Amino acid sequence: MSWSIYDSNTRKREVNGLIDALGCYGLKEGLILTDSKEDHFEQEGYRISVKPVWKWLLY
């Protein structure tokens, strides 16, 4: 979880770490939890979802 990924350095760190983990475990999609941001994108062949933690907890 990252409080916010508005800062480009934080976003890069979180996404790159997630991509490394996805590659290690052979997964194609991952999730980053934040305080309020929501987004979906693909990078390096991986689908990445960004969700507010409160929405994830309700799921």
Protein backbone atom coordinates (compact mmCIF):
# COMPACT_ATOMS: atom_id res chain seq x y z
CA MET A 1 0.00 0.00 0.00
CA SER A 2 1.10 3.51 -0.75
CA TRP A 3 -0.66 6.51 0.77
CA SER A 4 -0.49 8.33 -2.55
CA ILE A 5 1.09 7.75 -5.94
CA TYR A 6 0.64 11.32 -7.21
CA ASP A 7 4.40 11.90 -7.00
CA SER A 8 6.09 10.45 -10.10
CA ASN A 9 8.97 8.96 -8.08
CA THR A 10 6.57 7.20 -5.71
CA ARG A 11 4.46 5.91 -8.60
CA LYS A 12 7.55 4.59 -10.39
CA ARG A 13 8.81 2.86 -7.21
CA GLU A 14 5.46 1.22 -6.46
CA VAL A 15 4.80 0.09 -10.03
CA ASN A 16 8.31 -1.26 -10.57
CA GLY A 17 8.20 -3.18 -7.29
CA LEU A 18 4.83 -4.64 -8.18
CA ILE A 19 6.04 -5.67 -11.65
CA ASP A 20 9.07 -7.40 -10.09
CA ALA A 21 6.79 -9.32 -7.72
CA LEU A 22 4.34 -10.24 -10.47
CA GLY A 23 7.21 -11.59 -12.57
CA CYS A 24 8.56 -13.67 -9.67
CA TYR A 25 5.18 -15.28 -9.04
CA GLY A 26 4.11 -15.65 -12.67
CA LEU A 27 1.09 -13.37 -12.33
CA LYS A 28 -0.35 -11.11 -15.02
CA GLU A 29 -2.19 -8.54 -12.89
CA GLY A 30 -1.60 -6.69 -9.66
CA LEU A 31 -3.09 -4.17 -7.27
CA ILE A 32 -1.78 -1.02 -5.60
CA LEU A 33 -3.82 0.33 -2.68
CA THR A 34 -3.90 4.08 -2.02
CA ASP A 35 -5.79 6.62 0.05
CA SER A 36 -8.14 7.84 -2.70
CA LYS A 37 -6.73 7.36 -6.23
CA GLU A 38 -8.33 4.91 -8.66
CA ASP A 39 -6.81 3.90 -11.99
CA HIS A 40 -6.26 0.94 -14.31
CA PHE A 41 -3.39 0.63 -16.77
CA GLU A 42 -1.08 -1.83 -18.49
CA GLN A 43 2.68 -1.72 -18.26
CA GLU A 44 5.20 -4.23 -19.59
CA GLY A 45 2.36 -6.66 -20.33
CA TYR A 46 0.92 -6.54 -16.80
CA ARG A 47 -2.51 -5.19 -15.87
CA ILE A 48 -2.29 -2.94 -12.83
CA SER A 49 -5.24 -1.67 -10.81
CA VAL A 50 -4.98 1.22 -8.38
CA LYS A 51 -7.78 1.37 -5.80
CA PRO A 52 -8.58 3.30 -2.66
CA VAL A 53 -8.14 1.00 0.33
CA TRP A 54 -11.71 1.64 1.52
CA LYS A 55 -13.13 0.29 -1.75
CA TRP A 56 -10.90 -2.76 -1.56
CA LEU A 57 -12.04 -3.44 2.01
CA LEU A 58 -15.70 -3.34 0.90
CA TYR A 59 -15.01 -5.85 -1.87
